[in-house]
Amino acid sequence: MIRLFLSCILWVFPMTALSAELVMVEQSGCHYCAKWNAEISHIYPKTKEGQRAPLRRVDLRALPDDISFSSKPVFTPTFVLVEAGKELGRIEGYGGDEFFWFLLNQLFENGDLE
């Protein structure tokens, strides 16, 4: 009985944990996208933030239909915190690794995704 209970919990929690995603809107030739890739992309999936909101990359000129953006992204990179297809908040631009992590954690707090 305990095994069944634990199996159910382990099955449910990953589904809940992955309901959010961090959408990176980028475009070819973007210097700041390349800088983010060099400084953060290899680390992000290993962090608690990356576990809570896995990264999804989309091109600025081919925005997906399954996300309800509060407004069309204009700058790259733009990082959009999305849950259930709805934008919770965004970071426009990339000003360095420390600033990125600070702003991302604010997005998590404001979106109740701590």
PDB file of N, CA and C in Angstrom:
ATOM      1  N   MET A   1       0.826  -1.192   0.000  1.00  0.00           N
ATOM      2  CA  MET A   1       0.000   0.000   0.000  1.00  0.00           C
ATOM      3  C   MET A   1       0.872   1.259   0.000  1.00  0.00           C
ATOM      4  N   ILE A   2       1.922   1.233   0.813  1.00  0.00           N
ATOM      5  CA  ILE A   2       2.824   2.390   0.871  1.00  0.00           C
ATOM      6  C   ILE A   2       3.520   2.588  -0.462  1.00  0.00           C
ATOM      7  N   ARG A   3       3.926   1.490  -1.102  1.00  0.00           N
ATOM      8  CA  ARG A   3       4.572   1.596  -2.416  1.00  0.00           C
ATOM      9  C   ARG A   3       3.652   2.245  -3.437  1.00  0.00           C
ATOM     10  N   LEU A   4       2.400   1.846  -3.419  1.00  0.00           N
ATOM     11  CA  LEU A   4       1.427   2.419  -4.344  1.00  0.00           C
ATOM     12  C   LEU A   4       1.279   3.914  -4.092  1.00  0.00           C
ATOM     13  N   PHE A   5       1.181   4.313  -2.838  1.00  0.00           N
ATOM     14  CA  PHE A   5       1.068   5.721  -2.468  1.00  0.00           C
ATOM     15  C   PHE A   5       2.285   6.511  -2.951  1.00  0.00           C
ATOM     16  N   LEU A   6       3.489   5.988  -2.686  1.00  0.00           N
ATOM     17  CA  LEU A   6       4.711   6.672  -3.117  1.00  0.00           C
ATOM     18  C   LEU A   6       4.809   6.736  -4.637  1.00  0.00           C
ATOM     19  N   SER A   7       4.408   5.691  -5.313  1.00  0.00           N
ATOM     20  CA  SER A   7       4.419   5.691  -6.779  1.00  0.00           C
ATOM     21  C   SER A   7       3.501   6.769  -7.324  1.00  0.00           C
ATOM     22  N   CYS A   8       2.329   6.908  -6.711  1.00  0.00           N
ATOM     23  CA  CYS A   8       1.376   7.938  -7.148  1.00  0.00           C
ATOM     24  C   CYS A   8       1.950   9.334  -6.925  1.00  0.00           C
ATOM     25  N   ILE A   9       2.569   9.543  -5.778  1.00  0.00           N
ATOM     26  CA  ILE A   9       3.161  10.847  -5.477  1.00  0.00           C
ATOM     27  C   ILE A   9       4.278  11.168  -6.462  1.00  0.00           C
ATOM     28  N   LEU A  10       5.150  10.214  -6.715  1.00  0.00           N
ATOM     29  CA  LEU A  10       6.257  10.434  -7.644  1.00  0.00           C
ATOM     30  C   LEU A  10       5.760  10.657  -9.063  1.00  0.00           C
ATOM     31  N   TRP A  11       4.635  10.094  -9.414  1.00  0.00           N
ATOM     32  CA  TRP A  11       4.077  10.282 -10.738  1.00  0.00           C
ATOM     33  C   TRP A  11       3.433  11.661 -10.863  1.00  0.00           C
ATOM     34  N   VAL A  12       2.764  12.124  -9.828  1.00  0.00           N
ATOM     35  CA  VAL A  12       2.056  13.399  -9.861  1.00  0.00           C
ATOM     36  C   VAL A  12       3.010  14.585  -9.782  1.00  0.00           C
ATOM     37  N   PHE A  13       3.995  14.548  -8.889  1.00  0.00           N
ATOM     38  CA  PHE A  13       4.863  15.698  -8.686  1.00  0.00           C
ATOM     39  C   PHE A  13       5.668  16.104  -9.912  1.00  0.00           C
ATOM     40  N   PRO A  14       6.248  15.188 -10.689  1.00  0.00           N
ATOM     41  CA  PRO A  14       6.951  15.648 -11.886  1.00  0.00           C
ATOM     42  C   PRO A  14       6.032  16.373 -12.853  1.00  0.00           C
ATOM     43  N   MET A  15       4.792  15.948 -12.956  1.00  0.00           N
ATOM     44  CA  MET A  15       3.853  16.636 -13.837  1.00  0.00           C
ATOM     45  C   MET A  15       3.618  18.062 -13.348  1.00  0.00           C
ATOM     46  N   THR A  16       3.482  18.246 -12.062  1.00  0.00           N
ATOM     47  CA  THR A  16       3.288  19.561 -11.491  1.00  0.00           C
ATOM     48  C   THR A  16       4.546  20.410 -11.623  1.00  0.00           C
ATOM     49  N   ALA A  17       5.686  19.800 -11.359  1.00  0.00           N
ATOM     50  CA  ALA A  17       6.944  20.539 -11.376  1.00  0.00           C
ATOM     51  C   ALA A  17       7.282  21.066 -12.754  1.00  0.00           C
ATOM     52  N   LEU A  18       6.792  20.398 -13.804  1.00  0.00           N
ATOM     53  CA  LEU A  18       7.128  20.818 -15.155  1.00  0.00           C
ATOM     54  C   LEU A  18       6.021  21.629 -15.820  1.00  0.00           C
ATOM     55  N   SER A  19       5.097  22.156 -15.054  1.00  0.00           N
ATOM     56  CA  SER A  19       4.008  22.912 -15.662  1.00  0.00           C
ATOM     57  C   SER A  19       4.455  24.289 -16.124  1.00  0.00           C
ATOM     58  N   ALA A  20       5.572  24.769 -15.616  1.00  0.00           N
ATOM     59  CA  ALA A  20       6.101  26.067 -16.033  1.00  0.00           C
ATOM     60  C   ALA A  20       7.276  25.852 -16.965  1.00  0.00           C
ATOM     61  N   GLU A  21       7.534  26.859 -17.797  1.00  0.00           N
ATOM     62  CA  GLU A  21       8.713  26.825 -18.652  1.00  0.00           C
ATOM     63  C   GLU A  21       9.234  28.238 -18.824  1.00  0.00           C
ATOM     64  N   LEU A  22      10.524  28.326 -19.083  1.00  0.00           N
ATOM     65  CA  LEU A  22      11.144  29.601 -19.396  1.00  0.00           C
ATOM     66  C   LEU A  22      11.373  29.614 -20.896  1.00  0.00           C
ATOM     67  N   VAL A  23      10.681  30.486 -21.571  1.00  0.00           N
ATOM     68  CA  VAL A  23      10.779  30.583 -23.026  1.00  0.00           C
ATOM     69  C   VAL A  23      11.796  31.667 -23.369  1.00  0.00           C
ATOM     70  N   MET A  24      12.831  31.272 -24.096  1.00  0.00           N
ATOM     71  CA  MET A  24      13.847  32.217 -24.551  1.00  0.00           C
ATOM     72  C   MET A  24      13.527  32.582 -25.990  1.00  0.00           C
ATOM     73  N   VAL A  25      13.155  33.831 -26.193  1.00  0.00           N
ATOM     74  CA  VAL A  25      12.899  34.327 -27.537  1.00  0.00           C
ATOM     75  C   VAL A  25      14.229  34.871 -28.052  1.00  0.00           C
ATOM     76  N   GLU A  26      14.705  34.308 -29.149  1.00  0.00           N
ATOM     77  CA  GLU A  26      16.018  34.667 -29.671  1.00  0.00           C
ATOM     78  C   GLU A  26      15.961  34.822 -31.182  1.00  0.00           C
ATOM     79  N   GLN A  27      17.073  35.293 -31.744  1.00  0.00           N
ATOM     80  CA  GLN A  27      17.187  35.363 -33.193  1.00  0.00           C
ATOM     81  C   GLN A  27      18.648  35.204 -33.583  1.00  0.00           C
ATOM     82  N   SER A  28      18.851  34.758 -34.790  1.00  0.00           N
ATOM     83  CA  SER A  28      20.201  34.571 -35.302  1.00  0.00           C
ATOM     84  C   SER A  28      20.954  35.893 -35.317  1.00  0.00           C
ATOM     85  N   GLY A  29      22.221  35.845 -34.911  1.00  0.00           N
ATOM     86  CA  GLY A  29      23.055  37.047 -34.917  1.00  0.00           C
ATOM     87  C   GLY A  29      22.930  37.914 -33.682  1.00  0.00           C
ATOM     88  N   CYS A  30      22.142  37.508 -32.710  1.00  0.00           N
ATOM     89  CA  CYS A  30      21.949  38.292 -31.480  1.00  0.00           C
ATOM     90  C   CYS A  30      23.164  38.129 -30.575  1.00  0.00           C
ATOM     91  N   HIS A  31      23.891  39.201 -30.374  1.00  0.00           N
ATOM     92  CA  HIS A  31      25.094  39.184 -29.539  1.00  0.00           C
ATOM     93  C   HIS A  31      24.778  38.802 -28.092  1.00  0.00           C
ATOM     94  N   TYR A  32      23.701  39.345 -27.545  1.00  0.00           N
ATOM     95  CA  TYR A  32      23.359  39.063 -26.151  1.00  0.00           C
ATOM     96  C   TYR A  32      22.824  37.646 -25.966  1.00  0.00           C
ATOM     97  N   CYS A  33      22.192  37.095 -27.006  1.00  0.00           N
ATOM     98  CA  CYS A  33      21.786  35.685 -26.955  1.00  0.00           C
ATOM     99  C   CYS A  33      23.031  34.806 -26.886  1.00  0.00           C
ATOM    100  N   ALA A  34      24.022  35.119 -27.695  1.00  0.00           N
ATOM    101  CA  ALA A  34      25.278  34.361 -27.699  1.00  0.00           C
ATOM    102  C   ALA A  34      25.978  34.477 -26.354  1.00  0.00           C
ATOM    103  N   LYS A  35      25.935  35.652 -25.760  1.00  0.00           N
ATOM    104  CA  LYS A  35      26.556  35.845 -24.451  1.00  0.00           C
ATOM    105  C   LYS A  35      25.834  35.008 -23.390  1.00  0.00           C
ATOM    106  N   TRP A  36      24.491  34.995 -23.416  1.00  0.00           N
ATOM    107  CA  TRP A  36      23.723  34.172 -22.480  1.00  0.00           C
ATOM    108  C   TRP A  36      24.060  32.696 -22.691  1.00  0.00           C
ATOM    109  N   ASN A  37      24.143  32.285 -23.953  1.00  0.00           N
ATOM    110  CA  ASN A  37      24.485  30.895 -24.255  1.00  0.00           C
ATOM    111  C   ASN A  37      25.839  30.520 -23.674  1.00  0.00           C
ATOM    112  N   ALA A  38      26.813  31.404 -23.790  1.00  0.00           N
ATOM    113  CA  ALA A  38      28.164  31.130 -23.291  1.00  0.00           C
ATOM    114  C   ALA A  38      28.212  31.104 -21.761  1.00  0.00           C
ATOM    115  N   GLU A  39      27.432  31.951 -21.113  1.00  0.00           N
ATOM    116  CA  GLU A  39      27.523  32.098 -19.658  1.00  0.00           C
ATOM    117  C   GLU A  39      26.512  31.262 -18.868  1.00  0.00           C
ATOM    118  N   ILE A  40      25.338  31.018 -19.428  1.00  0.00           N
ATOM    119  CA  ILE A  40      24.249  30.431 -18.641  1.00  0.00           C
ATOM    120  C   ILE A  40      23.707  29.114 -19.201  1.00  0.00           C
ATOM    121  N   SER A  41      23.632  28.966 -20.505  1.00  0.00           N
ATOM    122  CA  SER A  41      22.880  27.841 -21.093  1.00  0.00           C
ATOM    123  C   SER A  41      23.321  26.476 -20.598  1.00  0.00           C
ATOM    124  N   HIS A  42      24.608  26.273 -20.374  1.00  0.00           N
ATOM    125  CA  HIS A  42      25.092  24.976 -19.914  1.00  0.00           C
ATOM    126  C   HIS A  42      24.796  24.735 -18.431  1.00  0.00           C
ATOM    127  N   ILE A  43      24.562  25.791 -17.688  1.00  0.00           N
ATOM    128  CA  ILE A  43      24.294  25.686 -16.252  1.00  0.00           C
ATOM    129  C   ILE A  43      22.790  25.593 -15.978  1.00  0.00           C
ATOM    130  N   TYR A  44      21.999  26.311 -16.743  1.00  0.00           N
ATOM    131  CA  TYR A  44      20.573  26.473 -16.445  1.00  0.00           C
ATOM    132  C   TYR A  44      19.829  25.158 -16.166  1.00  0.00           C
ATOM    133  N   PRO A  45      19.970  24.125 -16.994  1.00  0.00           N
ATOM    134  CA  PRO A  45      19.197  22.898 -16.725  1.00  0.00           C
ATOM    135  C   PRO A  45      19.550  22.223 -15.399  1.00  0.00           C
ATOM    136  N   LYS A  46      20.724  22.513 -14.854  1.00  0.00           N
ATOM    137  CA  LYS A  46      21.186  21.886 -13.616  1.00  0.00           C
ATOM    138  C   LYS A  46      20.736  22.641 -12.364  1.00  0.00           C
ATOM    139  N   THR A  47      20.150  23.817 -12.536  1.00  0.00           N
ATOM    140  CA  THR A  47      19.759  24.644 -11.403  1.00  0.00           C
ATOM    141  C   THR A  47      18.336  24.325 -10.957  1.00  0.00           C
ATOM    142  N   LYS A  48      17.992  24.795  -9.748  1.00  0.00           N
ATOM    143  CA  LYS A  48      16.613  24.600  -9.274  1.00  0.00           C
ATOM    144  C   LYS A  48      15.635  25.352 -10.179  1.00  0.00           C
ATOM    145  N   GLU A  49      16.051  26.501 -10.701  1.00  0.00           N
ATOM    146  CA  GLU A  49      15.204  27.258 -11.618  1.00  0.00           C
ATOM    147  C   GLU A  49      14.972  26.474 -12.910  1.00  0.00           C
ATOM    148  N   GLY A  50      16.045  25.861 -13.400  1.00  0.00           N
ATOM    149  CA  GLY A  50      15.951  25.063 -14.619  1.00  0.00           C
ATOM    150  C   GLY A  50      15.114  23.813 -14.440  1.00  0.00           C
ATOM    151  N   GLN A  51      15.115  23.273 -13.240  1.00  0.00           N
ATOM    152  CA  GLN A  51      14.271  22.117 -12.941  1.00  0.00           C
ATOM    153  C   GLN A  51      12.805  22.537 -12.843  1.00  0.00           C
ATOM    154  N   ARG A  52      12.576  23.700 -12.284  1.00  0.00           N
ATOM    155  CA  ARG A  52      11.202  24.196 -12.091  1.00  0.00           C
ATOM    156  C   ARG A  52      10.589  24.699 -13.387  1.00  0.00           C
ATOM    157  N   ALA A  53      11.406  25.341 -14.234  1.00  0.00           N
ATOM    158  CA  ALA A  53      10.919  25.901 -15.497  1.00  0.00           C
ATOM    159  C   ALA A  53      11.953  25.606 -16.587  1.00  0.00           C
ATOM    160  N   PRO A  54      11.864  24.428 -17.195  1.00  0.00           N
ATOM    161  CA  PRO A  54      12.815  24.082 -18.248  1.00  0.00           C
ATOM    162  C   PRO A  54      12.807  25.113 -19.380  1.00  0.00           C
ATOM    163  N   LEU A  55      13.955  25.245 -20.022  1.00  0.00           N
ATOM    164  CA  LEU A  55      14.120  26.225 -21.094  1.00  0.00           C
ATOM    165  C   LEU A  55      13.513  25.717 -22.394  1.00  0.00           C
ATOM    166  N   ARG A  56      12.825  26.602 -23.056  1.00  0.00           N
ATOM    167  CA  ARG A  56      12.292  26.351 -24.396  1.00  0.00           C
ATOM    168  C   ARG A  56      12.730  27.518 -25.263  1.00  0.00           C
ATOM    169  N   ARG A  57      13.374  27.243 -26.370  1.00  0.00           N
ATOM    170  CA  ARG A  57      13.861  28.292 -27.261  1.00  0.00           C
ATOM    171  C   ARG A  57      12.893  28.475 -28.421  1.00  0.00           C
ATOM    172  N   VAL A  58      12.596  29.733 -28.726  1.00  0.00           N
ATOM    173  CA  VAL A  58      11.759  30.038 -29.891  1.00  0.00           C
ATOM    174  C   VAL A  58      12.387  31.202 -30.649  1.00  0.00           C
ATOM    175  N   ASP A  59      12.145  31.230 -31.935  1.00  0.00           N
ATOM    176  CA  ASP A  59      12.671  32.295 -32.770  1.00  0.00           C
ATOM    177  C   ASP A  59      11.718  33.489 -32.753  1.00  0.00           C
ATOM    178  N   LEU A  60      12.292  34.680 -32.701  1.00  0.00           N
ATOM    179  CA  LEU A  60      11.506  35.916 -32.657  1.00  0.00           C
ATOM    180  C   LEU A  60      10.550  36.022 -33.845  1.00  0.00           C
ATOM    181  N   ARG A  61      10.958  35.529 -34.987  1.00  0.00           N
ATOM    182  CA  ARG A  61      10.147  35.653 -36.205  1.00  0.00           C
ATOM    183  C   ARG A  61       9.194  34.481 -36.420  1.00  0.00           C
ATOM    184  N   ALA A  62       9.179  33.532 -35.497  1.00  0.00           N
ATOM    185  CA  ALA A  62       8.287  32.370 -35.608  1.00  0.00           C
ATOM    186  C   ALA A  62       7.756  32.018 -34.222  1.00  0.00           C
ATOM    187  N   LEU A  63       7.035  32.955 -33.634  1.00  0.00           N
ATOM    188  CA  LEU A  63       6.506  32.749 -32.276  1.00  0.00           C
ATOM    189  C   LEU A  63       5.440  31.659 -32.283  1.00  0.00           C
ATOM    190  N   PRO A  64       5.455  30.798 -31.278  1.00  0.00           N
ATOM    191  CA  PRO A  64       4.488  29.691 -31.231  1.00  0.00           C
ATOM    192  C   PRO A  64       3.076  30.176 -30.897  1.00  0.00           C
ATOM    193  N   ASP A  65       2.104  29.406 -31.344  1.00  0.00           N
ATOM    194  CA  ASP A  65       0.695  29.731 -31.097  1.00  0.00           C
ATOM    195  C   ASP A  65       0.208  29.255 -29.735  1.00  0.00           C
ATOM    196  N   ASP A  66       0.979  28.390 -29.082  1.00  0.00           N
ATOM    197  CA  ASP A  66       0.510  27.814 -27.821  1.00  0.00           C
ATOM    198  C   ASP A  66       0.869  28.647 -26.594  1.00  0.00           C
ATOM    199  N   ILE A  67       1.423  29.851 -26.809  1.00  0.00           N
ATOM    200  CA  ILE A  67       1.752  30.739 -25.696  1.00  0.00           C
ATOM    201  C   ILE A  67       0.967  32.035 -25.857  1.00  0.00           C
ATOM    202  N   SER A  68       0.318  32.441 -24.768  1.00  0.00           N
ATOM    203  CA  SER A  68      -0.402  33.707 -24.754  1.00  0.00           C
ATOM    204  C   SER A  68       0.523  34.771 -24.163  1.00  0.00           C
ATOM    205  N   PHE A  69       1.249  35.483 -25.053  1.00  0.00           N
ATOM    206  CA  PHE A  69       2.152  36.547 -24.615  1.00  0.00           C
ATOM    207  C   PHE A  69       1.332  37.767 -24.214  1.00  0.00           C
ATOM    208  N   SER A  70       1.773  38.483 -23.168  1.00  0.00           N
ATOM    209  CA  SER A  70       1.071  39.700 -22.774  1.00  0.00           C
ATOM    210  C   SER A  70       1.242  40.781 -23.847  1.00  0.00           C
ATOM    211  N   SER A  71       2.361  40.756 -24.543  1.00  0.00           N
ATOM    212  CA  SER A  71       2.599  41.582 -25.724  1.00  0.00           C
ATOM    213  C   SER A  71       3.650  40.867 -26.552  1.00  0.00           C
ATOM    214  N   LYS A  72       3.684  41.154 -27.826  1.00  0.00           N
ATOM    215  CA  LYS A  72       4.625  40.484 -28.715  1.00  0.00           C
ATOM    216  C   LYS A  72       6.057  40.856 -28.323  1.00  0.00           C
ATOM    217  N   PRO A  73       6.929  39.873 -28.115  1.00  0.00           N
ATOM    218  CA  PRO A  73       8.329  40.185 -27.827  1.00  0.00           C
ATOM    219  C   PRO A  73       8.956  40.949 -28.992  1.00  0.00           C
ATOM    220  N   VAL A  74       9.792  41.925 -28.648  1.00  0.00           N
ATOM    221  CA  VAL A  74      10.442  42.761 -29.653  1.00  0.00           C
ATOM    222  C   VAL A  74      11.955  42.605 -29.596  1.00  0.00           C
ATOM    223  N   PHE A  75      12.504  42.515 -28.395  1.00  0.00           N
ATOM    224  CA  PHE A  75      13.946  42.457 -28.185  1.00  0.00           C
ATOM    225  C   PHE A  75      14.400  41.010 -27.991  1.00  0.00           C
ATOM    226  N   THR A  76      15.666  40.768 -28.340  1.00  0.00           N
ATOM    227  CA  THR A  76      16.248  39.462 -28.048  1.00  0.00           C
ATOM    228  C   THR A  76      17.522  39.650 -27.255  1.00  0.00           C
ATOM    229  N   PRO A  77      17.768  38.762 -26.306  1.00  0.00           N
ATOM    230  CA  PRO A  77      16.822  37.745 -25.884  1.00  0.00           C
ATOM    231  C   PRO A  77      15.735  38.330 -24.993  1.00  0.00           C
ATOM    232  N   THR A  78      14.581  37.717 -25.061  1.00  0.00           N
ATOM    233  CA  THR A  78      13.517  37.971 -24.104  1.00  0.00           C
ATOM    234  C   THR A  78      13.206  36.633 -23.454  1.00  0.00           C
ATOM    235  N   PHE A  79      13.217  36.617 -22.134  1.00  0.00           N
ATOM    236  CA  PHE A  79      12.931  35.405 -21.372  1.00  0.00           C
ATOM    237  C   PHE A  79      11.531  35.550 -20.789  1.00  0.00           C
ATOM    238  N   VAL A  80      10.644  34.633 -21.148  1.00  0.00           N
ATOM    239  CA  VAL A  80       9.249  34.713 -20.730  1.00  0.00           C
ATOM    240  C   VAL A  80       8.931  33.512 -19.855  1.00  0.00           C
ATOM    241  N   LEU A  81       8.525  33.779 -18.625  1.00  0.00           N
ATOM    242  CA  LEU A  81       8.099  32.715 -17.726  1.00  0.00           C
ATOM    243  C   LEU A  81       6.645  32.394 -18.056  1.00  0.00           C
ATOM    244  N   VAL A  82       6.404  31.135 -18.412  1.00  0.00           N
ATOM    245  CA  VAL A  82       5.090  30.709 -18.893  1.00  0.00           C
ATOM    246  C   VAL A  82       4.601  29.552 -18.038  1.00  0.00           C
ATOM    247  N   GLU A  83       3.335  29.595 -17.696  1.00  0.00           N
ATOM    248  CA  GLU A  83       2.698  28.467 -17.018  1.00  0.00           C
ATOM    249  C   GLU A  83       1.344  28.241 -17.668  1.00  0.00           C
ATOM    250  N   ALA A  84       1.084  27.000 -18.032  1.00  0.00           N
ATOM    251  CA  ALA A  84      -0.163  26.618 -18.698  1.00  0.00           C
ATOM    252  C   ALA A  84      -0.415  27.485 -19.936  1.00  0.00           C
ATOM    253  N   GLY A  85       0.658  27.815 -20.657  1.00  0.00           N
ATOM    254  CA  GLY A  85       0.534  28.580 -21.889  1.00  0.00           C
ATOM    255  C   GLY A  85       0.339  30.077 -21.723  1.00  0.00           C
ATOM    256  N   LYS A  86       0.372  30.559 -20.490  1.00  0.00           N
ATOM    257  CA  LYS A  86       0.125  31.977 -20.232  1.00  0.00           C
ATOM    258  C   LYS A  86       1.378  32.633 -19.653  1.00  0.00           C
ATOM    259  N   GLU A  87       1.706  33.800 -20.168  1.00  0.00           N
ATOM    260  CA  GLU A  87       2.861  34.548 -19.670  1.00  0.00           C
ATOM    261  C   GLU A  87       2.619  35.041 -18.250  1.00  0.00           C
ATOM    262  N   LEU A  88       3.608  34.770 -17.380  1.00  0.00           N
ATOM    263  CA  LEU A  88       3.563  35.263 -16.006  1.00  0.00           C
ATOM    264  C   LEU A  88       4.444  36.494 -15.818  1.00  0.00           C
ATOM    265  N   GLY A  89       5.440  36.627 -16.671  1.00  0.00           N
ATOM    266  CA  GLY A  89       6.366  37.748 -16.584  1.00  0.00           C
ATOM    267  C   GLY A  89       7.501  37.537 -17.559  1.00  0.00           C
ATOM    268  N   ARG A  90       8.329  38.585 -17.713  1.00  0.00           N
ATOM    269  CA  ARG A  90       9.424  38.475 -18.670  1.00  0.00           C
ATOM    270  C   ARG A  90      10.625  39.291 -18.260  1.00  0.00           C
ATOM    271  N   ILE A  91      11.757  38.906 -18.833  1.00  0.00           N
ATOM    272  CA  ILE A  91      13.012  39.647 -18.730  1.00  0.00           C
ATOM    273  C   ILE A  91      13.392  39.996 -20.159  1.00  0.00           C
ATOM    274  N   GLU A  92      13.562  41.280 -20.422  1.00  0.00           N
ATOM    275  CA  GLU A  92      13.972  41.694 -21.762  1.00  0.00           C
ATOM    276  C   GLU A  92      15.445  42.042 -21.745  1.00  0.00           C
ATOM    277  N   GLY A  93      16.213  41.374 -22.599  1.00  0.00           N
ATOM    278  CA  GLY A  93      17.637  41.617 -22.685  1.00  0.00           C
ATOM    279  C   GLY A  93      18.418  40.724 -21.740  1.00  0.00           C
ATOM    280  N   TYR A  94      19.736  40.859 -21.814  1.00  0.00           N
ATOM    281  CA  TYR A  94      20.631  40.105 -20.948  1.00  0.00           C
ATOM    282  C   TYR A  94      21.753  41.030 -20.515  1.00  0.00           C
ATOM    283  N   GLY A  95      21.804  41.317 -19.220  1.00  0.00           N
ATOM    284  CA  GLY A  95      22.797  42.239 -18.678  1.00  0.00           C
ATOM    285  C   GLY A  95      23.875  41.568 -17.855  1.00  0.00           C
ATOM    286  N   GLY A  96      24.080  40.270 -18.053  1.00  0.00           N
ATOM    287  CA  GLY A  96      25.084  39.547 -17.291  1.00  0.00           C
ATOM    288  C   GLY A  96      24.453  38.498 -16.403  1.00  0.00           C
ATOM    289  N   ASP A  97      25.294  37.554 -15.967  1.00  0.00           N
ATOM    290  CA  ASP A  97      24.771  36.407 -15.230  1.00  0.00           C
ATOM    291  C   ASP A  97      24.149  36.758 -13.887  1.00  0.00           C
ATOM    292  N   GLU A  98      24.786  37.608 -13.102  1.00  0.00           N
ATOM    293  CA  GLU A  98      24.218  37.944 -11.782  1.00  0.00           C
ATOM    294  C   GLU A  98      22.879  38.656 -11.914  1.00  0.00           C
ATOM    295  N   PHE A  99      22.772  39.575 -12.848  1.00  0.00           N
ATOM    296  CA  PHE A  99      21.525  40.308 -13.062  1.00  0.00           C
ATOM    297  C   PHE A  99      20.428  39.361 -13.558  1.00  0.00           C
ATOM    298  N   PHE A 100      20.793  38.431 -14.437  1.00  0.00           N
ATOM    299  CA  PHE A 100      19.831  37.457 -14.950  1.00  0.00           C
ATOM    300  C   PHE A 100      19.233  36.631 -13.816  1.00  0.00           C
ATOM    301  N   TRP A 101      20.103  36.061 -12.954  1.00  0.00           N
ATOM    302  CA  TRP A 101      19.596  35.214 -11.866  1.00  0.00           C
ATOM    303  C   TRP A 101      18.724  36.007 -10.900  1.00  0.00           C
ATOM    304  N   PHE A 102      19.112  37.254 -10.631  1.00  0.00           N
ATOM    305  CA  PHE A 102      18.317  38.107  -9.746  1.00  0.00           C
ATOM    306  C   PHE A 102      16.923  38.335 -10.343  1.00  0.00           C
ATOM    307  N   LEU A 103      16.877  38.731 -11.614  1.00  0.00           N
ATOM    308  CA  LEU A 103      15.589  38.997 -12.262  1.00  0.00           C
ATOM    309  C   LEU A 103      14.754  37.728 -12.402  1.00  0.00           C
ATOM    310  N   LEU A 104      15.403  36.611 -12.709  1.00  0.00           N
ATOM    311  CA  LEU A 104      14.670  35.357 -12.841  1.00  0.00           C
ATOM    312  C   LEU A 104      14.031  34.959 -11.516  1.00  0.00           C
ATOM    313  N   ASN A 105      14.759  35.102 -10.435  1.00  0.00           N
ATOM    314  CA  ASN A 105      14.190  34.772  -9.123  1.00  0.00           C
ATOM    315  C   ASN A 105      13.039  35.708  -8.767  1.00  0.00           C
ATOM    316  N   GLN A 106      13.113  36.963  -9.189  1.00  0.00           N
ATOM    317  CA  GLN A 106      11.977  37.867  -8.989  1.00  0.00           C
ATOM    318  C   GLN A 106      10.765  37.386  -9.773  1.00  0.00           C
ATOM    319  N   LEU A 107      10.979  36.904 -10.997  1.00  0.00           N
ATOM    320  CA  LEU A 107       9.869  36.363 -11.786  1.00  0.00           C
ATOM    321  C   LEU A 107       9.225  35.184 -11.066  1.00  0.00           C
ATOM    322  N   PHE A 108      10.053  34.299 -10.532  1.00  0.00           N
ATOM    323  CA  PHE A 108       9.524  33.153  -9.802  1.00  0.00           C
ATOM    324  C   PHE A 108       8.707  33.591  -8.598  1.00  0.00           C
ATOM    325  N   GLU A 109       9.219  34.549  -7.863  1.00  0.00           N
ATOM    326  CA  GLU A 109       8.500  35.044  -6.674  1.00  0.00           C
ATOM    327  C   GLU A 109       7.182  35.715  -7.075  1.00  0.00           C
ATOM    328  N   ASN A 110       7.228  36.571  -8.079  1.00  0.00           N
ATOM    329  CA  ASN A 110       6.022  37.285  -8.515  1.00  0.00           C
ATOM    330  C   ASN A 110       4.984  36.353  -9.121  1.00  0.00           C
ATOM    331  N   GLY A 111       5.453  35.271  -9.714  1.00  0.00           N
ATOM    332  CA  GLY A 111       4.534  34.288 -10.303  1.00  0.00           C
ATOM    333  C   GLY A 111       4.169  33.169  -9.346  1.00  0.00           C
ATOM    334  N   ASP A 112       4.568  33.306  -8.072  1.00  0.00           N
ATOM    335  CA  ASP A 112       4.319  32.277  -7.054  1.00  0.00           C
ATOM    336  C   ASP A 112       4.883  30.928  -7.474  1.00  0.00           C
ATOM    337  N   LEU A 113       6.083  30.934  -8.042  1.00  0.00           N
ATOM    338  CA  LEU A 113       6.730  29.703  -8.482  1.00  0.00           C
ATOM    339  C   LEU A 113       8.016  29.421  -7.706  1.00  0.00           C
ATOM    340  N   GLU A 114       8.123  29.855  -6.491  1.00  0.00           N
ATOM    341  CA  GLU A 114       9.359  29.705  -5.714  1.00  0.00           C
ATOM    342  C   GLU A 114       9.822  28.294  -5.599  1.00  0.00           C
TER     343      GLU A 114
END
